[in-house]
């Protein structure tokens, strides 16, 4: 059996279509989606609409990521998301999605343990089987603990996303596979990433990088109004798309540091602009 594994699309539609086209040439038997389909890039409704249609015509298994959870919870328990660097991209996303979109996202499970005829069971999660927000990297103590727990789930393979960094981590016949971020890689490259896994009694994963028209995505940041509404965050996202450097996380750390030093709230745009200057995020 052959599986295409996609994660962390983040509404990057041009990257999504390029990966779908590349994976279709490899003829997967099943498509596995690990969450974070929305937020950060323009027109998230378009991405959800495409995925809903794709799931209706292809053999797909899909789970929920933390970004979907943000949107679901915003509808239940509204937070004061305002346009600007701190939460403007989240507000833009929430306003672009329809109730039907959020209903569909809310229908997705947080984890799956598929049992597919002719294939041994495996675990699908976004962060970890216990938390969609759990963040760990390969060759760390957390990864060692996670891979040692696979026996609890009666499987040898766990698929996870969230970190935006692809890896294949093996120990004692068990395996963790992160396909990387399809829409927002942060491992120093600017290509869309996914994984392709073959099963023939054992698992054979491959991390694949795909070129796409990132300038089309960049143009839509301005066209959609997202860039204006998200301030430094939006500029950081564009920098990440073009370079694979995680500018938004770096900016958040600096803003929190500046906030402690000055007593200004983290929503203060002067702190974000100061962070942008230090990180040399382009205007």
C-alpha atoms as a PDB file:
ATOM      1  CA  UNK A   1       0.000   0.000   0.000  1.00  0.00           C
ATOM      2  CA  UNK A   2       1.063   3.559  -0.642  1.00  0.00           C
ATOM      3  CA  UNK A   3       0.229   6.604   1.478  1.00  0.00           C
ATOM      4  CA  UNK A   4       0.648  10.329   0.838  1.00  0.00           C
ATOM      5  CA  UNK A   5       1.046  12.177   4.157  1.00  0.00           C
ATOM      6  CA  UNK A   6       0.325  15.922   4.276  1.00  0.00           C
ATOM      7  CA  UNK A   7       0.463  18.296   7.242  1.00  0.00           C
ATOM      8  CA  UNK A   8       0.539  21.984   8.142  1.00  0.00           C
ATOM      9  CA  UNK A   9      -0.929  23.421   4.956  1.00  0.00           C
ATOM     10  CA  UNK A  10      -1.738  26.757   6.638  1.00  0.00           C
ATOM     11  CA  UNK A  11      -3.978  27.858   3.753  1.00  0.00           C
ATOM     12  CA  UNK A  12      -1.055  27.915   1.309  1.00  0.00           C
ATOM     13  CA  UNK A  13      -3.193  26.955  -1.661  1.00  0.00           C
ATOM     14  CA  UNK A  14      -0.495  27.154  -4.343  1.00  0.00           C
ATOM     15  CA  UNK A  15       1.714  24.815  -2.315  1.00  0.00           C
ATOM     16  CA  UNK A  16      -1.210  22.460  -1.677  1.00  0.00           C
ATOM     17  CA  UNK A  17      -2.082  22.119  -5.353  1.00  0.00           C
ATOM     18  CA  UNK A  18       1.573  21.512  -6.259  1.00  0.00           C
ATOM     19  CA  UNK A  19       1.897  18.752  -3.656  1.00  0.00           C
ATOM     20  CA  UNK A  20      -1.391  17.131  -4.682  1.00  0.00           C
ATOM     21  CA  UNK A  21      -0.201  17.044  -8.301  1.00  0.00           C
ATOM     22  CA  UNK A  22       3.163  15.566  -7.332  1.00  0.00           C
ATOM     23  CA  UNK A  23       1.632  12.938  -5.049  1.00  0.00           C
ATOM     24  CA  UNK A  24      -1.008  11.929  -7.593  1.00  0.00           C
ATOM     25  CA  UNK A  25       1.769  10.940  -9.993  1.00  0.00           C
ATOM     26  CA  UNK A  26       2.914   8.447  -7.337  1.00  0.00           C
ATOM     27  CA  UNK A  27      -0.592   6.937  -7.157  1.00  0.00           C
ATOM     28  CA  UNK A  28      -1.231   6.673  -3.408  1.00  0.00           C
ATOM     29  CA  UNK A  29      -3.889   4.254  -2.193  1.00  0.00           C
ATOM     30  CA  UNK A  30      -4.757   6.551   0.701  1.00  0.00           C
ATOM     31  CA  UNK A  31      -4.217  10.210   1.604  1.00  0.00           C
ATOM     32  CA  UNK A  32      -3.410  11.058   5.226  1.00  0.00           C
ATOM     33  CA  UNK A  33      -3.871  14.644   6.454  1.00  0.00           C
ATOM     34  CA  UNK A  34      -2.425  15.606   9.856  1.00  0.00           C
ATOM     35  CA  UNK A  35      -4.047  18.981  10.545  1.00  0.00           C
ATOM     36  CA  UNK A  36      -3.352  22.725  10.479  1.00  0.00           C
ATOM     37  CA  UNK A  37      -5.136  23.287   7.200  1.00  0.00           C
ATOM     38  CA  UNK A  38      -5.968  26.932   7.949  1.00  0.00           C
ATOM     39  CA  UNK A  39      -4.534  30.232   9.263  1.00  0.00           C
ATOM     40  CA  UNK A  40      -1.540  32.307   8.187  1.00  0.00           C
ATOM     41  CA  UNK A  41      -1.965  32.305   4.391  1.00  0.00           C
ATOM     42  CA  UNK A  42      -4.740  33.980   2.349  1.00  0.00           C
ATOM     43  CA  UNK A  43      -8.232  32.671   1.612  1.00  0.00           C
ATOM     44  CA  UNK A  44      -8.533  29.803   4.124  1.00  0.00           C
ATOM     45  CA  UNK A  45     -12.124  29.148   3.006  1.00  0.00           C
ATOM     46  CA  UNK A  46     -10.765  28.193  -0.430  1.00  0.00           C
ATOM     47  CA  UNK A  47      -8.431  25.634   1.134  1.00  0.00           C
ATOM     48  CA  UNK A  48     -11.176  24.109   3.292  1.00  0.00           C
ATOM     49  CA  UNK A  49     -13.558  23.998   0.336  1.00  0.00           C
ATOM     50  CA  UNK A  50     -10.918  22.209  -1.741  1.00  0.00           C
ATOM     51  CA  UNK A  51     -10.122  19.691   1.008  1.00  0.00           C
ATOM     52  CA  UNK A  52     -13.789  18.909   1.603  1.00  0.00           C
ATOM     53  CA  UNK A  53     -14.243  18.222  -2.092  1.00  0.00           C
ATOM     54  CA  UNK A  54     -11.028  16.220  -2.300  1.00  0.00           C
ATOM     55  CA  UNK A  55     -12.089  14.044   0.632  1.00  0.00           C
ATOM     56  CA  UNK A  56     -15.327  13.324  -1.198  1.00  0.00           C
ATOM     57  CA  UNK A  57     -13.559  11.937  -4.265  1.00  0.00           C
ATOM     58  CA  UNK A  58     -10.444  10.313  -2.774  1.00  0.00           C
ATOM     59  CA  UNK A  59      -9.667   7.790  -0.064  1.00  0.00           C
ATOM     60  CA  UNK A  60      -8.685  10.176   2.735  1.00  0.00           C
ATOM     61  CA  UNK A  61      -8.165  10.111   6.484  1.00  0.00           C
ATOM     62  CA  UNK A  62      -8.069  13.528   8.144  1.00  0.00           C
ATOM     63  CA  UNK A  63      -7.490  14.763  11.675  1.00  0.00           C
ATOM     64  CA  UNK A  64      -7.692  18.134  13.408  1.00  0.00           C
ATOM     65  CA  UNK A  65      -4.713  20.374  14.220  1.00  0.00           C
ATOM     66  CA  UNK A  66      -4.286  23.149  16.753  1.00  0.00           C
ATOM     67  CA  UNK A  67      -5.128  25.854  14.201  1.00  0.00           C
ATOM     68  CA  UNK A  68      -8.494  24.253  13.486  1.00  0.00           C
ATOM     69  CA  UNK A  69      -9.012  24.089  17.244  1.00  0.00           C
ATOM     70  CA  UNK A  70      -8.353  27.846  17.458  1.00  0.00           C
ATOM     71  CA  UNK A  71     -11.159  28.514  14.987  1.00  0.00           C
ATOM     72  CA  UNK A  72     -13.561  26.069  16.649  1.00  0.00           C
ATOM     73  CA  UNK A  73     -12.945  27.611  20.075  1.00  0.00           C
ATOM     74  CA  UNK A  74     -13.208  31.165  18.731  1.00  0.00           C
ATOM     75  CA  UNK A  75     -16.743  30.408  17.620  1.00  0.00           C
ATOM     76  CA  UNK A  76     -17.611  28.888  21.005  1.00  0.00           C
ATOM     77  CA  UNK A  77     -15.744  31.317  23.254  1.00  0.00           C
ATOM     78  CA  UNK A  78     -14.904  34.494  21.294  1.00  0.00           C
ATOM     79  CA  UNK A  79     -11.601  36.162  22.110  1.00  0.00           C
ATOM     80  CA  UNK A  80     -10.783  39.820  21.349  1.00  0.00           C
ATOM     81  CA  UNK A  81      -8.734  39.149  18.232  1.00  0.00           C
ATOM     82  CA  UNK A  82      -7.843  42.503  16.678  1.00  0.00           C
ATOM     83  CA  UNK A  83      -6.196  43.398  13.397  1.00  0.00           C
ATOM     84  CA  UNK A  84      -2.485  43.891  13.899  1.00  0.00           C
ATOM     85  CA  UNK A  85       0.653  41.862  14.441  1.00  0.00           C
ATOM     86  CA  UNK A  86      -0.515  39.924  17.516  1.00  0.00           C
ATOM     87  CA  UNK A  87      -3.787  38.388  16.315  1.00  0.00           C
ATOM     88  CA  UNK A  88      -4.708  39.984  12.986  1.00  0.00           C
ATOM     89  CA  UNK A  89      -3.965  36.840  10.959  1.00  0.00           C
ATOM     90  CA  UNK A  90      -6.216  34.779  13.235  1.00  0.00           C
ATOM     91  CA  UNK A  91      -9.054  37.286  12.954  1.00  0.00           C
ATOM     92  CA  UNK A  92      -8.675  37.395   9.170  1.00  0.00           C
ATOM     93  CA  UNK A  93      -8.868  33.599   9.018  1.00  0.00           C
ATOM     94  CA  UNK A  94     -11.913  33.369  11.273  1.00  0.00           C
ATOM     95  CA  UNK A  95     -13.767  35.989   9.238  1.00  0.00           C
ATOM     96  CA  UNK A  96     -12.979  34.236   5.949  1.00  0.00           C
ATOM     97  CA  UNK A  97     -14.248  30.833   7.102  1.00  0.00           C
ATOM     98  CA  UNK A  98     -17.947  29.987   6.944  1.00  0.00           C
ATOM     99  CA  UNK A  99     -19.950  28.260   9.662  1.00  0.00           C
ATOM    100  CA  UNK A 100     -20.036  25.250   7.358  1.00  0.00           C
ATOM    101  CA  UNK A 101     -16.236  25.272   7.186  1.00  0.00           C
ATOM    102  CA  UNK A 102     -15.934  25.323  10.964  1.00  0.00           C
ATOM    103  CA  UNK A 103     -18.603  22.633  11.340  1.00  0.00           C
ATOM    104  CA  UNK A 104     -16.543  20.406   9.053  1.00  0.00           C
ATOM    105  CA  UNK A 105     -13.299  21.146  10.889  1.00  0.00           C
ATOM    106  CA  UNK A 106     -15.035  20.401  14.196  1.00  0.00           C
ATOM    107  CA  UNK A 107     -16.098  16.992  12.859  1.00  0.00           C
ATOM    108  CA  UNK A 108     -12.472  15.865  12.486  1.00  0.00           C
ATOM    109  CA  UNK A 109     -10.938  13.704  15.237  1.00  0.00           C
ATOM    110  CA  UNK A 110      -7.765  14.706  17.064  1.00  0.00           C
ATOM    111  CA  UNK A 111      -6.158  11.284  16.603  1.00  0.00           C
ATOM    112  CA  UNK A 112      -6.763   8.176  14.523  1.00  0.00           C
ATOM    113  CA  UNK A 113      -5.531   4.616  14.709  1.00  0.00           C
ATOM    114  CA  UNK A 114      -6.516   3.277  11.279  1.00  0.00           C
ATOM    115  CA  UNK A 115      -6.840  -0.456  10.738  1.00  0.00           C
ATOM    116  CA  UNK A 116      -6.670  -0.878   6.973  1.00  0.00           C
ATOM    117  CA  UNK A 117      -6.945  -4.327   5.357  1.00  0.00           C
ATOM    118  CA  UNK A 118      -3.542  -5.520   4.222  1.00  0.00           C
ATOM    119  CA  UNK A 119      -1.723  -3.039   6.451  1.00  0.00           C
ATOM    120  CA  UNK A 120      -0.697  -2.981  10.094  1.00  0.00           C
ATOM    121  CA  UNK A 121      -2.233  -0.290  12.346  1.00  0.00           C
ATOM    122  CA  UNK A 122      -0.542   3.066  12.890  1.00  0.00           C
ATOM    123  CA  UNK A 123      -1.209   6.304  14.789  1.00  0.00           C
ATOM    124  CA  UNK A 124      -2.070   9.677  13.222  1.00  0.00           C
ATOM    125  CA  UNK A 125      -1.831  12.788  15.401  1.00  0.00           C
ATOM    126  CA  UNK A 126      -0.948  16.454  15.025  1.00  0.00           C
ATOM    127  CA  UNK A 127       1.335  17.037  18.014  1.00  0.00           C
ATOM    128  CA  UNK A 128       1.120  13.785  19.967  1.00  0.00           C
ATOM    129  CA  UNK A 129      -1.645  11.259  20.696  1.00  0.00           C
ATOM    130  CA  UNK A 130      -2.299  13.143  23.952  1.00  0.00           C
ATOM    131  CA  UNK A 131      -2.110  16.772  22.793  1.00  0.00           C
ATOM    132  CA  UNK A 132      -2.454  18.600  19.492  1.00  0.00           C
ATOM    133  CA  UNK A 133      -0.080  21.277  20.857  1.00  0.00           C
ATOM    134  CA  UNK A 134       2.726  18.972  21.983  1.00  0.00           C
ATOM    135  CA  UNK A 135       5.925  19.992  20.216  1.00  0.00           C
ATOM    136  CA  UNK A 136       8.971  17.772  19.925  1.00  0.00           C
ATOM    137  CA  UNK A 137      11.808  17.256  17.484  1.00  0.00           C
ATOM    138  CA  UNK A 138      13.772  14.256  16.298  1.00  0.00           C
ATOM    139  CA  UNK A 139      16.745  12.978  18.324  1.00  0.00           C
ATOM    140  CA  UNK A 140      15.447  14.502  21.565  1.00  0.00           C
ATOM    141  CA  UNK A 141      14.450  12.987  24.899  1.00  0.00           C
ATOM    142  CA  UNK A 142      10.811  13.724  24.037  1.00  0.00           C
ATOM    143  CA  UNK A 143      11.126  11.798  20.779  1.00  0.00           C
ATOM    144  CA  UNK A 144      12.709   8.863  22.608  1.00  0.00           C
ATOM    145  CA  UNK A 145       9.824   8.811  25.087  1.00  0.00           C
ATOM    146  CA  UNK A 146       7.253   9.070  22.312  1.00  0.00           C
ATOM    147  CA  UNK A 147       8.713   6.251  20.245  1.00  0.00           C
ATOM    148  CA  UNK A 148       9.014   4.040  23.337  1.00  0.00           C
ATOM    149  CA  UNK A 149       5.268   4.450  23.931  1.00  0.00           C
ATOM    150  CA  UNK A 150       4.181   3.129  20.547  1.00  0.00           C
ATOM    151  CA  UNK A 151       3.737  -0.322  22.027  1.00  0.00           C
ATOM    152  CA  UNK A 152       0.910   1.111  24.168  1.00  0.00           C
ATOM    153  CA  UNK A 153      -0.992   1.755  20.946  1.00  0.00           C
ATOM    154  CA  UNK A 154      -0.191  -1.615  19.417  1.00  0.00           C
ATOM    155  CA  UNK A 155       1.676  -0.172  16.455  1.00  0.00           C
ATOM    156  CA  UNK A 156       5.168   0.540  15.137  1.00  0.00           C
ATOM    157  CA  UNK A 157       4.510   3.814  13.304  1.00  0.00           C
ATOM    158  CA  UNK A 158       3.345   7.243  14.422  1.00  0.00           C
ATOM    159  CA  UNK A 159       2.685  10.090  11.975  1.00  0.00           C
ATOM    160  CA  UNK A 160       2.751  13.600  13.427  1.00  0.00           C
ATOM    161  CA  UNK A 161       3.111  17.204  12.293  1.00  0.00           C
ATOM    162  CA  UNK A 162       3.062  20.529  14.168  1.00  0.00           C
ATOM    163  CA  UNK A 163       6.821  21.197  14.307  1.00  0.00           C
ATOM    164  CA  UNK A 164       7.060  22.118  10.585  1.00  0.00           C
ATOM    165  CA  UNK A 165      10.344  20.185  10.456  1.00  0.00           C
ATOM    166  CA  UNK A 166      10.423  16.883   8.526  1.00  0.00           C
ATOM    167  CA  UNK A 167      12.099  13.825   9.952  1.00  0.00           C
ATOM    168  CA  UNK A 168      12.151  10.028  10.032  1.00  0.00           C
ATOM    169  CA  UNK A 169      13.143   8.789  13.506  1.00  0.00           C
ATOM    170  CA  UNK A 170      13.790   5.063  14.020  1.00  0.00           C
ATOM    171  CA  UNK A 171      14.353   3.009  17.161  1.00  0.00           C
ATOM    172  CA  UNK A 172      14.117  -0.759  17.672  1.00  0.00           C
ATOM    173  CA  UNK A 173      11.837  -1.388  14.718  1.00  0.00           C
ATOM    174  CA  UNK A 174       9.570   1.556  15.558  1.00  0.00           C
ATOM    175  CA  UNK A 175       9.286   4.807  13.664  1.00  0.00           C
ATOM    176  CA  UNK A 176       8.126   8.419  14.019  1.00  0.00           C
ATOM    177  CA  UNK A 177       7.545  10.266  10.753  1.00  0.00           C
ATOM    178  CA  UNK A 178       6.910  13.985  10.423  1.00  0.00           C
ATOM    179  CA  UNK A 179       6.206  15.003   6.803  1.00  0.00           C
ATOM    180  CA  UNK A 180       7.219  18.609   7.464  1.00  0.00           C
ATOM    181  CA  UNK A 181       5.099  21.618   6.631  1.00  0.00           C
ATOM    182  CA  UNK A 182       3.401  21.667   3.263  1.00  0.00           C
ATOM    183  CA  UNK A 183       2.616  25.369   3.466  1.00  0.00           C
ATOM    184  CA  UNK A 184       5.126  26.896   5.881  1.00  0.00           C
ATOM    185  CA  UNK A 185       8.442  24.988   6.171  1.00  0.00           C
ATOM    186  CA  UNK A 186      10.891  26.241   8.807  1.00  0.00           C
ATOM    187  CA  UNK A 187      13.866  23.981   8.104  1.00  0.00           C
ATOM    188  CA  UNK A 188      15.727  26.463   5.943  1.00  0.00           C
ATOM    189  CA  UNK A 189      14.149  25.578   2.611  1.00  0.00           C
ATOM    190  CA  UNK A 190      11.302  27.162   0.695  1.00  0.00           C
ATOM    191  CA  UNK A 191       9.749  24.157  -1.016  1.00  0.00           C
ATOM    192  CA  UNK A 192       6.476  22.497  -0.037  1.00  0.00           C
ATOM    193  CA  UNK A 193       7.038  19.308   1.938  1.00  0.00           C
ATOM    194  CA  UNK A 194       5.166  16.054   2.413  1.00  0.00           C
ATOM    195  CA  UNK A 195       5.884  12.360   2.965  1.00  0.00           C
ATOM    196  CA  UNK A 196       5.194   9.294   0.870  1.00  0.00           C
ATOM    197  CA  UNK A 197       5.124   5.933   2.644  1.00  0.00           C
ATOM    198  CA  UNK A 198       5.004   2.462   1.117  1.00  0.00           C
ATOM    199  CA  UNK A 199       4.004  -0.596   3.145  1.00  0.00           C
ATOM    200  CA  UNK A 200       4.873  -4.162   2.132  1.00  0.00           C
ATOM    201  CA  UNK A 201       5.116  -5.801   5.541  1.00  0.00           C
ATOM    202  CA  UNK A 202       7.412  -3.014   6.665  1.00  0.00           C
ATOM    203  CA  UNK A 203       7.238   0.786   6.455  1.00  0.00           C
ATOM    204  CA  UNK A 204       9.290   2.645   3.837  1.00  0.00           C
ATOM    205  CA  UNK A 205       8.933   6.436   4.283  1.00  0.00           C
ATOM    206  CA  UNK A 206      10.342   9.184   2.088  1.00  0.00           C
ATOM    207  CA  UNK A 207      10.322  12.956   2.657  1.00  0.00           C
ATOM    208  CA  UNK A 208       9.576  14.841  -0.555  1.00  0.00           C
ATOM    209  CA  UNK A 209      10.072  18.524  -1.405  1.00  0.00           C
ATOM    210  CA  UNK A 210       8.111  20.189  -4.198  1.00  0.00           C
ATOM    211  CA  UNK A 211       8.698  23.504  -5.920  1.00  0.00           C
ATOM    212  CA  UNK A 212       5.680  25.782  -6.282  1.00  0.00           C
ATOM    213  CA  UNK A 213       4.864  29.367  -7.233  1.00  0.00           C
ATOM    214  CA  UNK A 214       5.470  31.057  -3.884  1.00  0.00           C
ATOM    215  CA  UNK A 215       5.191  34.484  -5.478  1.00  0.00           C
ATOM    216  CA  UNK A 216       1.562  33.676  -6.283  1.00  0.00           C
ATOM    217  CA  UNK A 217       0.991  33.111  -2.567  1.00  0.00           C
ATOM    218  CA  UNK A 218       2.921  36.302  -1.769  1.00  0.00           C
ATOM    219  CA  UNK A 219       0.806  38.345  -4.188  1.00  0.00           C
ATOM    220  CA  UNK A 220      -2.356  37.048  -2.520  1.00  0.00           C
ATOM    221  CA  UNK A 221      -1.166  38.333   0.868  1.00  0.00           C
ATOM    222  CA  UNK A 222      -1.542  41.883  -0.466  1.00  0.00           C
ATOM    223  CA  UNK A 223      -4.550  41.223  -2.706  1.00  0.00           C
ATOM    224  CA  UNK A 224      -6.566  39.616   0.098  1.00  0.00           C
ATOM    225  CA  UNK A 225      -5.890  42.318   2.680  1.00  0.00           C
ATOM    226  CA  UNK A 226      -4.166  39.814   4.963  1.00  0.00           C
ATOM    227  CA  UNK A 227      -0.817  41.604   4.839  1.00  0.00           C
ATOM    228  CA  UNK A 228      -2.340  44.913   5.914  1.00  0.00           C
ATOM    229  CA  UNK A 229      -4.403  43.272   8.660  1.00  0.00           C
ATOM    230  CA  UNK A 230      -1.600  41.186  10.165  1.00  0.00           C
ATOM    231  CA  UNK A 231       1.281  43.663  10.348  1.00  0.00           C
ATOM    232  CA  UNK A 232       4.703  42.292  11.230  1.00  0.00           C
ATOM    233  CA  UNK A 233       3.265  38.797  11.618  1.00  0.00           C
ATOM    234  CA  UNK A 234       2.196  38.781   7.974  1.00  0.00           C
ATOM    235  CA  UNK A 235       5.550  40.120   6.817  1.00  0.00           C
ATOM    236  CA  UNK A 236       7.247  37.431   8.881  1.00  0.00           C
ATOM    237  CA  UNK A 237       5.103  34.762   7.249  1.00  0.00           C
ATOM    238  CA  UNK A 238       6.157  35.968   3.815  1.00  0.00           C
ATOM    239  CA  UNK A 239       9.777  35.856   4.928  1.00  0.00           C
ATOM    240  CA  UNK A 240       9.294  32.292   6.131  1.00  0.00           C
ATOM    241  CA  UNK A 241       7.656  31.206   2.875  1.00  0.00           C
ATOM    242  CA  UNK A 242      10.581  32.603   0.902  1.00  0.00           C
ATOM    243  CA  UNK A 243      13.460  31.452   3.137  1.00  0.00           C
ATOM    244  CA  UNK A 244      12.330  28.675   5.484  1.00  0.00           C
ATOM    245  CA  UNK A 245      13.363  30.796   8.500  1.00  0.00           C
ATOM    246  CA  UNK A 246      10.782  30.826  11.305  1.00  0.00           C
ATOM    247  CA  UNK A 247      10.488  34.608  11.541  1.00  0.00           C
ATOM    248  CA  UNK A 248       7.156  34.632  13.379  1.00  0.00           C
ATOM    249  CA  UNK A 249       8.387  32.533  16.302  1.00  0.00           C
ATOM    250  CA  UNK A 250      11.579  34.599  16.487  1.00  0.00           C
ATOM    251  CA  UNK A 251       9.512  37.791  16.474  1.00  0.00           C
ATOM    252  CA  UNK A 252       7.197  36.536  19.230  1.00  0.00           C
ATOM    253  CA  UNK A 253      10.184  35.759  21.463  1.00  0.00           C
ATOM    254  CA  UNK A 254      11.631  39.225  20.935  1.00  0.00           C
ATOM    255  CA  UNK A 255       8.282  40.950  21.504  1.00  0.00           C
ATOM    256  CA  UNK A 256       7.804  39.077  24.781  1.00  0.00           C
ATOM    257  CA  UNK A 257      11.327  40.099  25.835  1.00  0.00           C
ATOM    258  CA  UNK A 258      10.721  43.739  24.905  1.00  0.00           C
ATOM    259  CA  UNK A 259       7.393  43.674  26.739  1.00  0.00           C
ATOM    260  CA  UNK A 260       9.082  42.523  29.953  1.00  0.00           C
ATOM    261  CA  UNK A 261      11.721  45.225  29.592  1.00  0.00           C
ATOM    262  CA  UNK A 262       9.360  48.107  28.811  1.00  0.00           C
ATOM    263  CA  UNK A 263       6.119  47.133  30.524  1.00  0.00           C
ATOM    264  CA  UNK A 264       4.267  47.639  27.242  1.00  0.00           C
ATOM    265  CA  UNK A 265       1.668  45.026  26.248  1.00  0.00           C
ATOM    266  CA  UNK A 266       2.583  42.454  23.605  1.00  0.00           C
ATOM    267  CA  UNK A 267      -0.085  43.995  21.373  1.00  0.00           C
ATOM    268  CA  UNK A 268       1.928  47.229  21.108  1.00  0.00           C
ATOM    269  CA  UNK A 269       2.935  47.619  17.464  1.00  0.00           C
ATOM    270  CA  UNK A 270       6.145  49.464  18.346  1.00  0.00           C
ATOM    271  CA  UNK A 271       7.466  46.267  19.948  1.00  0.00           C
ATOM    272  CA  UNK A 272       6.668  44.278  16.815  1.00  0.00           C
ATOM    273  CA  UNK A 273       8.318  46.852  14.561  1.00  0.00           C
ATOM    274  CA  UNK A 274      11.386  46.792  16.792  1.00  0.00           C
ATOM    275  CA  UNK A 275      11.494  43.000  16.489  1.00  0.00           C
ATOM    276  CA  UNK A 276      11.112  43.273  12.713  1.00  0.00           C
ATOM    277  CA  UNK A 277      14.083  45.626  12.534  1.00  0.00           C
ATOM    278  CA  UNK A 278      16.279  43.340  14.633  1.00  0.00           C
ATOM    279  CA  UNK A 279      15.339  40.317  12.537  1.00  0.00           C
ATOM    280  CA  UNK A 280      15.586  42.303   9.289  1.00  0.00           C
ATOM    281  CA  UNK A 281      12.093  41.233   8.222  1.00  0.00           C
ATOM    282  CA  UNK A 282      11.419  43.029   4.912  1.00  0.00           C
ATOM    283  CA  UNK A 283       8.767  45.747   4.720  1.00  0.00           C
END
